[in-house]
PDB file of N, CA and C in Angstrom:
ATOM      1  N   MET A   1     -20.841 182.283 135.099  1.00  0.00           N
ATOM      2  CA  MET A   1     -21.957 182.864 134.421  1.00  0.00           C
ATOM      3  C   MET A   1     -21.790 182.619 132.925  1.00  0.00           C
ATOM      4  N   SER A   2     -22.821 182.098 132.267  1.00  0.00           N
ATOM      5  CA  SER A   2     -22.728 181.915 130.827  1.00  0.00           C
ATOM      6  C   SER A   2     -23.824 182.718 130.151  1.00  0.00           C
ATOM      7  N   ALA A   3     -23.489 183.258 129.015  1.00  0.00           N
ATOM      8  CA  ALA A   3     -24.441 184.062 128.259  1.00  0.00           C
ATOM      9  C   ALA A   3     -25.028 183.212 127.154  1.00  0.00           C
ATOM     10  N   THR A   4     -26.266 183.498 126.798  1.00  0.00           N
ATOM     11  CA  THR A   4     -26.898 182.796 125.699  1.00  0.00           C
ATOM     12  C   THR A   4     -27.618 183.789 124.809  1.00  0.00           C
ATOM     13  N   THR A   5     -27.782 183.405 123.566  1.00  0.00           N
ATOM     14  CA  THR A   5     -28.628 184.158 122.664  1.00  0.00           C
ATOM     15  C   THR A   5     -29.828 183.285 122.361  1.00  0.00           C
ATOM     16  N   THR A   6     -30.965 183.903 122.263  1.00  0.00           N
ATOM     17  CA  THR A   6     -32.179 183.152 121.961  1.00  0.00           C
ATOM     18  C   THR A   6     -32.783 183.683 120.669  1.00  0.00           C
ATOM     19  N   THR A   7     -33.320 182.778 119.890  1.00  0.00           N
ATOM     20  CA  THR A   7     -33.957 183.153 118.641  1.00  0.00           C
ATOM     21  C   THR A   7     -35.233 182.343 118.453  1.00  0.00           C
ATOM     22  N   ILE A   8     -36.148 182.931 117.741  1.00  0.00           N
ATOM     23  CA  ILE A   8     -37.356 182.222 117.330  1.00  0.00           C
ATOM     24  C   ILE A   8     -37.441 182.355 115.823  1.00  0.00           C
ATOM     25  N   LYS A   9     -37.403 181.211 115.149  1.00  0.00           N
ATOM     26  CA  LYS A   9     -37.463 181.193 113.691  1.00  0.00           C
ATOM     27  C   LYS A   9     -38.491 180.162 113.260  1.00  0.00           C
ATOM     28  N   ASN A  10     -39.421 180.614 112.485  1.00  0.00           N
ATOM     29  CA  ASN A  10     -40.507 179.741 112.014  1.00  0.00           C
ATOM     30  C   ASN A  10     -41.221 179.079 113.179  1.00  0.00           C
ATOM     31  N   GLY A  11     -41.384 179.816 114.267  1.00  0.00           N
ATOM     32  CA  GLY A  11     -42.101 179.305 115.426  1.00  0.00           C
ATOM     33  C   GLY A  11     -41.289 178.410 116.334  1.00  0.00           C
ATOM     34  N   ALA A  12     -40.032 178.129 115.999  1.00  0.00           N
ATOM     35  CA  ALA A  12     -39.190 177.258 116.823  1.00  0.00           C
ATOM     36  C   ALA A  12     -38.234 178.107 117.652  1.00  0.00           C
ATOM     37  N   PHE A  13     -38.092 177.771 118.919  1.00  0.00           N
ATOM     38  CA  PHE A  13     -37.220 178.478 119.856  1.00  0.00           C
ATOM     39  C   PHE A  13     -35.882 177.760 119.939  1.00  0.00           C
ATOM     40  N   SER A  14     -34.797 178.527 119.945  1.00  0.00           N
ATOM     41  CA  SER A  14     -33.486 177.919 120.167  1.00  0.00           C
ATOM     42  C   SER A  14     -32.642 178.844 121.033  1.00  0.00           C
ATOM     43  N   ALA A  15     -31.768 178.240 121.830  1.00  0.00           N
ATOM     44  CA  ALA A  15     -30.836 178.995 122.669  1.00  0.00           C
ATOM     45  C   ALA A  15     -29.434 178.480 122.393  1.00  0.00           C
ATOM     46  N   GLN A  16     -28.504 179.405 122.200  1.00  0.00           N
ATOM     47  CA  GLN A  16     -27.122 179.029 121.937  1.00  0.00           C
ATOM     48  C   GLN A  16     -26.216 179.773 122.904  1.00  0.00           C
ATOM     49  N   ALA A  17     -25.227 179.075 123.413  1.00  0.00           N
ATOM     50  CA  ALA A  17     -24.259 179.709 124.302  1.00  0.00           C
ATOM     51  C   ALA A  17     -23.397 180.672 123.501  1.00  0.00           C
ATOM     52  N   THR A  18     -23.134 181.827 124.065  1.00  0.00           N
ATOM     53  CA  THR A  18     -22.227 182.788 123.440  1.00  0.00           C
ATOM     54  C   THR A  18     -21.036 183.001 124.358  1.00  0.00           C
ATOM     55  N   GLU A  19     -19.937 183.296 123.756  1.00  0.00           N
ATOM     56  CA  GLU A  19     -18.715 183.487 124.519  1.00  0.00           C
ATOM     57  C   GLU A  19     -18.453 184.981 124.676  1.00  0.00           C
ATOM     58  N   PRO A  20     -18.418 185.494 125.909  1.00  0.00           N
ATOM     59  CA  PRO A  20     -18.127 186.912 126.093  1.00  0.00           C
ATOM     60  C   PRO A  20     -16.654 187.183 125.774  1.00  0.00           C
ATOM     61  N   LEU A  21     -16.375 188.364 125.252  1.00  0.00           N
ATOM     62  CA  LEU A  21     -14.997 188.719 124.924  1.00  0.00           C
ATOM     63  C   LEU A  21     -14.143 188.876 126.167  1.00  0.00           C
ATOM     64  N   GLY A  22     -14.730 189.305 127.258  1.00  0.00           N
ATOM     65  CA  GLY A  22     -13.980 189.537 128.481  1.00  0.00           C
ATOM     66  C   GLY A  22     -14.271 190.909 129.034  1.00  0.00           C
ATOM     67  N   GLN A  23     -13.711 191.182 130.171  1.00  0.00           N
ATOM     68  CA  GLN A  23     -13.893 192.475 130.811  1.00  0.00           C
ATOM     69  C   GLN A  23     -12.647 193.322 130.600  1.00  0.00           C
ATOM     70  N   PRO A  24     -12.810 194.648 130.530  1.00  0.00           N
ATOM     71  CA  PRO A  24     -11.655 195.515 130.329  1.00  0.00           C
ATOM     72  C   PRO A  24     -10.627 195.359 131.445  1.00  0.00           C
ATOM     73  N   GLY A  25      -9.375 195.222 131.047  1.00  0.00           N
ATOM     74  CA  GLY A  25      -8.261 195.155 131.986  1.00  0.00           C
ATOM     75  C   GLY A  25      -7.387 196.377 131.793  1.00  0.00           C
ATOM     76  N   VAL A  26      -6.109 196.158 131.504  1.00  0.00           N
ATOM     77  CA  VAL A  26      -5.160 197.252 131.316  1.00  0.00           C
ATOM     78  C   VAL A  26      -5.477 198.007 130.023  1.00  0.00           C
ATOM     79  N   ALA A  27      -5.459 199.335 130.089  1.00  0.00           N
ATOM     80  CA  ALA A  27      -5.624 200.191 128.916  1.00  0.00           C
ATOM     81  C   ALA A  27      -4.252 200.721 128.510  1.00  0.00           C
ATOM     82  N   ARG A  28      -3.978 200.663 127.229  1.00  0.00           N
ATOM     83  CA  ARG A  28      -2.686 201.144 126.718  1.00  0.00           C
ATOM     84  C   ARG A  28      -2.910 202.086 125.543  1.00  0.00           C
ATOM     85  N   GLN A  29      -2.052 203.079 125.418  1.00  0.00           N
ATOM     86  CA  GLN A  29      -2.069 204.004 124.289  1.00  0.00           C
ATOM     87  C   GLN A  29      -0.710 203.872 123.607  1.00  0.00           C
ATOM     88  N   LEU A  30      -0.700 203.272 122.415  1.00  0.00           N
ATOM     89  CA  LEU A  30       0.532 203.007 121.693  1.00  0.00           C
ATOM     90  C   LEU A  30       0.709 204.039 120.586  1.00  0.00           C
ATOM     91  N   SER A  31       1.799 204.784 120.629  1.00  0.00           N
ATOM     92  CA  SER A  31       2.079 205.805 119.613  1.00  0.00           C
ATOM     93  C   SER A  31       2.582 205.148 118.346  1.00  0.00           C
ATOM     94  N   ALA A  32       1.928 205.472 117.233  1.00  0.00           N
ATOM     95  CA  ALA A  32       2.321 204.947 115.931  1.00  0.00           C
ATOM     96  C   ALA A  32       2.935 206.079 115.132  1.00  0.00           C
ATOM     97  N   GLY A  33       4.250 206.059 115.013  1.00  0.00           N
ATOM     98  CA  GLY A  33       4.972 207.092 114.284  1.00  0.00           C
ATOM     99  C   GLY A  33       5.713 206.505 113.097  1.00  0.00           C
ATOM    100  N   ALA A  34       6.787 207.189 112.685  1.00  0.00           N
ATOM    101  CA  ALA A  34       7.548 206.785 111.501  1.00  0.00           C
ATOM    102  C   ALA A  34       8.346 205.508 111.706  1.00  0.00           C
ATOM    103  N   ALA A  35       8.694 205.190 112.962  1.00  0.00           N
ATOM    104  CA  ALA A  35       9.460 203.973 113.260  1.00  0.00           C
ATOM    105  C   ALA A  35       8.585 202.998 114.043  1.00  0.00           C
ATOM    106  N   SER A  36       8.805 201.711 113.837  1.00  0.00           N
ATOM    107  CA  SER A  36       8.066 200.684 114.567  1.00  0.00           C
ATOM    108  C   SER A  36       8.363 200.779 116.061  1.00  0.00           C
ATOM    109  N   ALA A  37       7.322 200.628 116.876  1.00  0.00           N
ATOM    110  CA  ALA A  37       7.473 200.635 118.336  1.00  0.00           C
ATOM    111  C   ALA A  37       6.797 199.389 118.898  1.00  0.00           C
ATOM    112  N   ASN A  38       7.524 198.600 119.697  1.00  0.00           N
ATOM    113  CA  ASN A  38       7.031 197.361 120.277  1.00  0.00           C
ATOM    114  C   ASN A  38       6.596 197.582 121.721  1.00  0.00           C
ATOM    115  N   THR A  39       5.494 196.932 122.123  1.00  0.00           N
ATOM    116  CA  THR A  39       5.017 196.967 123.504  1.00  0.00           C
ATOM    117  C   THR A  39       4.678 195.546 123.936  1.00  0.00           C
ATOM    118  N   ALA A  40       5.147 195.157 125.118  1.00  0.00           N
ATOM    119  CA  ALA A  40       4.786 193.859 125.694  1.00  0.00           C
ATOM    120  C   ALA A  40       3.453 194.004 126.418  1.00  0.00           C
ATOM    121  N   LEU A  41       2.517 193.111 126.125  1.00  0.00           N
ATOM    122  CA  LEU A  41       1.231 193.100 126.820  1.00  0.00           C
ATOM    123  C   LEU A  41       1.371 192.277 128.099  1.00  0.00           C
ATOM    124  N   THR A  42       0.367 192.343 128.966  1.00  0.00           N
ATOM    125  CA  THR A  42       0.364 191.520 130.172  1.00  0.00           C
ATOM    126  C   THR A  42       0.488 190.056 129.764  1.00  0.00           C
ATOM    127  N   ALA A  43       1.363 189.316 130.427  1.00  0.00           N
ATOM    128  CA  ALA A  43       1.740 187.963 130.013  1.00  0.00           C
ATOM    129  C   ALA A  43       0.560 187.005 129.856  1.00  0.00           C
ATOM    130  N   THR A  44      -0.492 187.156 130.672  1.00  0.00           N
ATOM    131  CA  THR A  44      -1.596 186.198 130.666  1.00  0.00           C
ATOM    132  C   THR A  44      -2.771 186.606 129.782  1.00  0.00           C
ATOM    133  N   VAL A  45      -2.700 187.746 129.144  1.00  0.00           N
ATOM    134  CA  VAL A  45      -3.807 188.223 128.297  1.00  0.00           C
ATOM    135  C   VAL A  45      -3.872 187.399 127.024  1.00  0.00           C
ATOM    136  N   THR A  46      -5.091 187.002 126.628  1.00  0.00           N
ATOM    137  CA  THR A  46      -5.262 186.240 125.395  1.00  0.00           C
ATOM    138  C   THR A  46      -6.190 186.930 124.396  1.00  0.00           C
ATOM    139  N   ARG A  47      -6.757 188.081 124.779  1.00  0.00           N
ATOM    140  CA  ARG A  47      -7.632 188.834 123.873  1.00  0.00           C
ATOM    141  C   ARG A  47      -7.453 190.322 124.108  1.00  0.00           C
ATOM    142  N   ILE A  48      -7.537 191.067 123.016  1.00  0.00           N
ATOM    143  CA  ILE A  48      -7.470 192.517 123.120  1.00  0.00           C
ATOM    144  C   ILE A  48      -8.516 193.150 122.217  1.00  0.00           C
ATOM    145  N   SER A  49      -8.874 194.370 122.556  1.00  0.00           N
ATOM    146  CA  SER A  49      -9.695 195.218 121.706  1.00  0.00           C
ATOM    147  C   SER A  49      -8.839 196.424 121.382  1.00  0.00           C
ATOM    148  N   MET A  50      -8.768 196.810 120.104  1.00  0.00           N
ATOM    149  CA  MET A  50      -7.922 197.942 119.738  1.00  0.00           C
ATOM    150  C   MET A  50      -8.651 198.851 118.762  1.00  0.00           C
ATOM    151  N   ARG A  51      -8.331 200.161 118.872  1.00  0.00           N
ATOM    152  CA  ARG A  51      -8.952 201.179 118.033  1.00  0.00           C
ATOM    153  C   ARG A  51      -7.891 202.160 117.584  1.00  0.00           C
ATOM    154  N   ALA A  52      -7.852 202.433 116.285  1.00  0.00           N
ATOM    155  CA  ALA A  52      -6.922 203.410 115.725  1.00  0.00           C
ATOM    156  C   ALA A  52      -7.508 204.810 115.874  1.00  0.00           C
ATOM    157  N   VAL A  53      -6.694 205.740 116.370  1.00  0.00           N
ATOM    158  CA  VAL A  53      -7.134 207.112 116.578  1.00  0.00           C
ATOM    159  C   VAL A  53      -6.146 208.063 115.905  1.00  0.00           C
ATOM    160  N   GLY A  54      -6.647 208.897 115.010  1.00  0.00           N
ATOM    161  CA  GLY A  54      -5.827 209.937 114.395  1.00  0.00           C
ATOM    162  C   GLY A  54      -5.114 209.556 113.124  1.00  0.00           C
ATOM    163  N   ALA A  55      -5.032 208.275 112.808  1.00  0.00           N
ATOM    164  CA  ALA A  55      -4.325 207.837 111.597  1.00  0.00           C
ATOM    165  C   ALA A  55      -4.612 206.369 111.317  1.00  0.00           C
ATOM    166  N   ASP A  56      -4.394 205.967 110.065  1.00  0.00           N
ATOM    167  CA  ASP A  56      -4.368 204.543 109.726  1.00  0.00           C
ATOM    168  C   ASP A  56      -3.063 203.981 110.279  1.00  0.00           C
ATOM    169  N   ILE A  57      -3.122 202.750 110.811  1.00  0.00           N
ATOM    170  CA  ILE A  57      -1.982 202.171 111.514  1.00  0.00           C
ATOM    171  C   ILE A  57      -1.737 200.743 111.020  1.00  0.00           C
ATOM    172  N   ARG A  58      -0.471 200.348 110.990  1.00  0.00           N
ATOM    173  CA  ARG A  58      -0.066 198.971 110.720  1.00  0.00           C
ATOM    174  C   ARG A  58       0.367 198.356 112.042  1.00  0.00           C
ATOM    175  N   TYR A  59       0.056 197.080 112.251  1.00  0.00           N
ATOM    176  CA  TYR A  59       0.425 196.429 113.512  1.00  0.00           C
ATOM    177  C   TYR A  59       0.837 194.985 113.268  1.00  0.00           C
ATOM    178  N   LYS A  60       1.635 194.460 114.208  1.00  0.00           N
ATOM    179  CA  LYS A  60       2.056 193.065 114.167  1.00  0.00           C
ATOM    180  C   LYS A  60       2.047 192.524 115.590  1.00  0.00           C
ATOM    181  N   ILE A  61       1.470 191.332 115.769  1.00  0.00           N
ATOM    182  CA  ILE A  61       1.341 190.709 117.089  1.00  0.00           C
ATOM    183  C   ILE A  61       2.055 189.363 117.073  1.00  0.00           C
ATOM    184  N   GLY A  62       2.798 189.074 118.146  1.00  0.00           N
ATOM    185  CA  GLY A  62       3.481 187.791 118.259  1.00  0.00           C
ATOM    186  C   GLY A  62       3.930 187.540 119.685  1.00  0.00           C
ATOM    187  N   ALA A  63       4.547 186.378 119.913  1.00  0.00           N
ATOM    188  CA  ALA A  63       4.932 185.971 121.268  1.00  0.00           C
ATOM    189  C   ALA A  63       6.304 186.492 121.686  1.00  0.00           C
ATOM    190  N   THR A  64       7.003 187.173 120.784  1.00  0.00           N
ATOM    191  CA  THR A  64       8.292 187.788 121.117  1.00  0.00           C
ATOM    192  C   THR A  64       8.246 189.229 120.630  1.00  0.00           C
ATOM    193  N   SER A  65       9.322 189.967 120.794  1.00  0.00           N
ATOM    194  CA  SER A  65       9.373 191.342 120.311  1.00  0.00           C
ATOM    195  C   SER A  65       9.068 191.384 118.821  1.00  0.00           C
ATOM    196  N   GLN A  66       8.243 192.339 118.397  1.00  0.00           N
ATOM    197  CA  GLN A  66       7.768 192.426 117.021  1.00  0.00           C
ATOM    198  C   GLN A  66       8.239 193.719 116.351  1.00  0.00           C
ATOM    199  N   THR A  67       8.248 193.704 115.028  1.00  0.00           N
ATOM    200  CA  THR A  67       8.534 194.894 114.232  1.00  0.00           C
ATOM    201  C   THR A  67       7.431 195.042 113.194  1.00  0.00           C
ATOM    202  N   ALA A  68       6.705 196.162 113.248  1.00  0.00           N
ATOM    203  CA  ALA A  68       5.660 196.433 112.261  1.00  0.00           C
ATOM    204  C   ALA A  68       6.293 197.084 111.034  1.00  0.00           C
ATOM    205  N   THR A  69       5.765 196.742 109.853  1.00  0.00           N
ATOM    206  CA  THR A  69       6.270 197.286 108.591  1.00  0.00           C
ATOM    207  C   THR A  69       5.093 197.751 107.737  1.00  0.00           C
ATOM    208  N   ALA A  70       5.403 198.260 106.574  1.00  0.00           N
ATOM    209  CA  ALA A  70       4.375 198.742 105.646  1.00  0.00           C
ATOM    210  C   ALA A  70       3.470 197.626 105.136  1.00  0.00           C
ATOM    211  N   THR A  71       3.856 196.371 105.334  1.00  0.00           N
ATOM    212  CA  THR A  71       3.029 195.243 104.884  1.00  0.00           C
ATOM    213  C   THR A  71       2.385 194.483 106.049  1.00  0.00           C
ATOM    214  N   SER A  72       2.516 195.008 107.272  1.00  0.00           N
ATOM    215  CA  SER A  72       1.875 194.376 108.442  1.00  0.00           C
ATOM    216  C   SER A  72       0.370 194.590 108.385  1.00  0.00           C
ATOM    217  N   HIS A  73      -0.351 193.978 109.306  1.00  0.00           N
ATOM    218  CA  HIS A  73      -1.806 194.104 109.353  1.00  0.00           C
ATOM    219  C   HIS A  73      -2.212 195.574 109.455  1.00  0.00           C
ATOM    220  N   PHE A  74      -3.358 195.892 108.883  1.00  0.00           N
ATOM    221  CA  PHE A  74      -3.845 197.267 108.757  1.00  0.00           C
ATOM    222  C   PHE A  74      -5.085 197.487 109.611  1.00  0.00           C
ATOM    223  N   ILE A  75      -5.156 198.627 110.283  1.00  0.00           N
ATOM    224  CA  ILE A  75      -6.365 199.064 110.964  1.00  0.00           C
ATOM    225  C   ILE A  75      -6.593 200.529 110.587  1.00  0.00           C
ATOM    226  N   ALA A  76      -7.770 200.833 110.083  1.00  0.00           N
ATOM    227  CA  ALA A  76      -8.090 202.177 109.610  1.00  0.00           C
ATOM    228  C   ALA A  76      -8.389 203.116 110.776  1.00  0.00           C
ATOM    229  N   ASN A  77      -8.130 204.391 110.580  1.00  0.00           N
ATOM    230  CA  ASN A  77      -8.458 205.410 111.566  1.00  0.00           C
ATOM    231  C   ASN A  77      -9.941 205.285 111.951  1.00  0.00           C
ATOM    232  N   GLY A  78     -10.211 205.160 113.233  1.00  0.00           N
ATOM    233  CA  GLY A  78     -11.581 205.039 113.726  1.00  0.00           C
ATOM    234  C   GLY A  78     -12.100 203.609 113.792  1.00  0.00           C
ATOM    235  N   GLU A  79     -11.373 202.656 113.241  1.00  0.00           N
ATOM    236  CA  GLU A  79     -11.808 201.255 113.250  1.00  0.00           C
ATOM    237  C   GLU A  79     -11.455 200.595 114.582  1.00  0.00           C
ATOM    238  N   ARG A  80     -12.313 199.668 115.025  1.00  0.00           N
ATOM    239  CA  ARG A  80     -12.051 198.861 116.218  1.00  0.00           C
ATOM    240  C   ARG A  80     -11.997 197.401 115.809  1.00  0.00           C
ATOM    241  N   LEU A  81     -10.990 196.694 116.336  1.00  0.00           N
ATOM    242  CA  LEU A  81     -10.853 195.260 116.108  1.00  0.00           C
ATOM    243  C   LEU A  81     -10.698 194.552 117.443  1.00  0.00           C
ATOM    244  N   ASP A  82     -11.307 193.393 117.569  1.00  0.00           N
ATOM    245  CA  ASP A  82     -11.139 192.528 118.738  1.00  0.00           C
ATOM    246  C   ASP A  82     -10.434 191.272 118.237  1.00  0.00           C
ATOM    247  N   VAL A  83      -9.285 190.964 118.842  1.00  0.00           N
ATOM    248  CA  VAL A  83      -8.489 189.835 118.356  1.00  0.00           C
ATOM    249  C   VAL A  83      -7.963 188.992 119.508  1.00  0.00           C
ATOM    250  N   ALA A  84      -7.707 187.720 119.204  1.00  0.00           N
ATOM    251  CA  ALA A  84      -7.038 186.822 120.145  1.00  0.00           C
ATOM    252  C   ALA A  84      -5.532 187.008 119.972  1.00  0.00           C
ATOM    253  N   VAL A  85      -4.804 186.917 121.074  1.00  0.00           N
ATOM    254  CA  VAL A  85      -3.345 187.053 121.043  1.00  0.00           C
ATOM    255  C   VAL A  85      -2.719 185.885 121.806  1.00  0.00           C
ATOM    256  N   PRO A  86      -1.473 185.540 121.483  1.00  0.00           N
ATOM    257  CA  PRO A  86      -0.811 184.453 122.216  1.00  0.00           C
ATOM    258  C   PRO A  86      -0.423 184.907 123.622  1.00  0.00           C
ATOM    259  N   LEU A  87      -0.179 183.956 124.513  1.00  0.00           N
ATOM    260  CA  LEU A  87       0.361 184.302 125.825  1.00  0.00           C
ATOM    261  C   LEU A  87       1.694 185.012 125.626  1.00  0.00           C
ATOM    262  N   ASP A  88       2.039 185.896 126.542  1.00  0.00           N
ATOM    263  CA  ASP A  88       3.281 186.685 126.458  1.00  0.00           C
ATOM    264  C   ASP A  88       3.347 187.514 125.177  1.00  0.00           C
ATOM    265  N   ALA A  89       2.209 188.026 124.732  1.00  0.00           N
ATOM    266  CA  ALA A  89       2.138 188.747 123.458  1.00  0.00           C
ATOM    267  C   ALA A  89       2.863 190.086 123.491  1.00  0.00           C
ATOM    268  N   ASN A  90       3.384 190.430 122.337  1.00  0.00           N
ATOM    269  CA  ASN A  90       3.938 191.743 122.049  1.00  0.00           C
ATOM    270  C   ASN A  90       3.190 192.288 120.854  1.00  0.00           C
ATOM    271  N   ILE A  91       3.014 193.613 120.799  1.00  0.00           N
ATOM    272  CA  ILE A  91       2.396 194.248 119.645  1.00  0.00           C
ATOM    273  C   ILE A  91       3.278 195.413 119.216  1.00  0.00           C
ATOM    274  N   ALA A  92       3.551 195.463 117.921  1.00  0.00           N
ATOM    275  CA  ALA A  92       4.325 196.567 117.353  1.00  0.00           C
ATOM    276  C   ALA A  92       3.409 197.381 116.456  1.00  0.00           C
ATOM    277  N   VAL A  93       3.618 198.695 116.441  1.00  0.00           N
ATOM    278  CA  VAL A  93       2.805 199.590 115.615  1.00  0.00           C
ATOM    279  C   VAL A  93       3.694 200.551 114.847  1.00  0.00           C
ATOM    280  N   ILE A  94       3.170 200.983 113.702  1.00  0.00           N
ATOM    281  CA  ILE A  94       3.814 202.002 112.879  1.00  0.00           C
ATOM    282  C   ILE A  94       2.701 202.702 112.101  1.00  0.00           C
ATOM    283  N   ARG A  95       2.877 203.977 111.821  1.00  0.00           N
ATOM    284  CA  ARG A  95       1.852 204.680 111.041  1.00  0.00           C
ATOM    285  C   ARG A  95       1.830 204.129 109.622  1.00  0.00           C
ATOM    286  N   ASN A  96       0.668 204.214 108.968  1.00  0.00           N
ATOM    287  CA  ASN A  96       0.532 203.685 107.618  1.00  0.00           C
ATOM    288  C   ASN A  96       1.053 204.651 106.564  1.00  0.00           C
ATOM    289  N   ALA A  97       0.923 205.945 106.791  1.00  0.00           N
ATOM    290  CA  ALA A  97       1.353 206.937 105.802  1.00  0.00           C
ATOM    291  C   ALA A  97       2.191 208.002 106.517  1.00  0.00           C
ATOM    292  N   THR A  98       1.908 209.269 106.281  1.00  0.00           N
ATOM    293  CA  THR A  98       2.724 210.340 106.866  1.00  0.00           C
ATOM    294  C   THR A  98       2.134 210.916 108.148  1.00  0.00           C
ATOM    295  N   THR A  99       0.917 210.496 108.517  1.00  0.00           N
ATOM    296  CA  THR A  99       0.266 211.010 109.724  1.00  0.00           C
ATOM    297  C   THR A  99       0.431 210.024 110.869  1.00  0.00           C
ATOM    298  N   SER A 100       0.964 210.508 111.995  1.00  0.00           N
ATOM    299  CA  SER A 100       1.105 209.659 113.187  1.00  0.00           C
ATOM    300  C   SER A 100      -0.224 209.553 113.912  1.00  0.00           C
ATOM    301  N   GLY A 101      -0.396 208.480 114.668  1.00  0.00           N
ATOM    302  CA  GLY A 101      -1.643 208.272 115.402  1.00  0.00           C
ATOM    303  C   GLY A 101      -1.387 207.463 116.655  1.00  0.00           C
ATOM    304  N   THR A 102      -2.466 207.016 117.252  1.00  0.00           N
ATOM    305  CA  THR A 102      -2.423 206.232 118.481  1.00  0.00           C
ATOM    306  C   THR A 102      -3.263 204.991 118.317  1.00  0.00           C
ATOM    307  N   LEU A 103      -2.737 203.863 118.756  1.00  0.00           N
ATOM    308  CA  LEU A 103      -3.532 202.640 118.814  1.00  0.00           C
ATOM    309  C   LEU A 103      -3.947 202.465 120.274  1.00  0.00           C
ATOM    310  N   GLU A 104      -5.238 202.629 120.523  1.00  0.00           N
ATOM    311  CA  GLU A 104      -5.796 202.431 121.863  1.00  0.00           C
ATOM    312  C   GLU A 104      -6.037 200.940 122.040  1.00  0.00           C
ATOM    313  N   VAL A 105      -5.393 200.331 123.008  1.00  0.00           N
ATOM    314  CA  VAL A 105      -5.501 198.884 123.239  1.00  0.00           C
ATOM    315  C   VAL A 105      -6.087 198.635 124.614  1.00  0.00           C
ATOM    316  N   THR A 106      -7.123 197.811 124.683  1.00  0.00           N
ATOM    317  CA  THR A 106      -7.682 197.351 125.941  1.00  0.00           C
ATOM    318  C   THR A 106      -7.434 195.861 126.054  1.00  0.00           C
ATOM    319  N   GLU A 107      -6.730 195.463 127.095  1.00  0.00           N
ATOM    320  CA  GLU A 107      -6.530 194.042 127.359  1.00  0.00           C
ATOM    321  C   GLU A 107      -7.801 193.506 127.990  1.00  0.00           C
ATOM    322  N   LEU A 108      -8.306 192.388 127.472  1.00  0.00           N
ATOM    323  CA  LEU A 108      -9.554 191.807 127.978  1.00  0.00           C
ATOM    324  C   LEU A 108      -9.242 190.618 128.860  1.00  0.00           C
ATOM    325  N   ILE A 109      -9.808 190.609 130.070  1.00  0.00           N
ATOM    326  CA  ILE A 109      -9.538 189.539 131.037  1.00  0.00           C
ATOM    327  C   ILE A 109     -10.788 188.766 131.336  1.00  0.00           C
TER     328      ILE A 109
END
């Protein structure tokens, strides 16, 4: 099944193929506290959707065990990001300031 978007501009019709992000797979809740915590994702997952809950969070994604630091990628409390990840991905999280939170991760298949 392929999805398309259609537009009409200046009386001209066009259709373009769009790529779906995927369907929800495994759901994970990653605790972001004072120390970095690493989690291995499902080996075949190549995309995830993640949302920070309760705090701003720093994260790092890679193909081996990861360590998040104060200079790792940032996701704000309440923000959702959809990202591509390598096969055999690991994600590490740490809180950004003094408030701990949760990174809700959905693996997309």
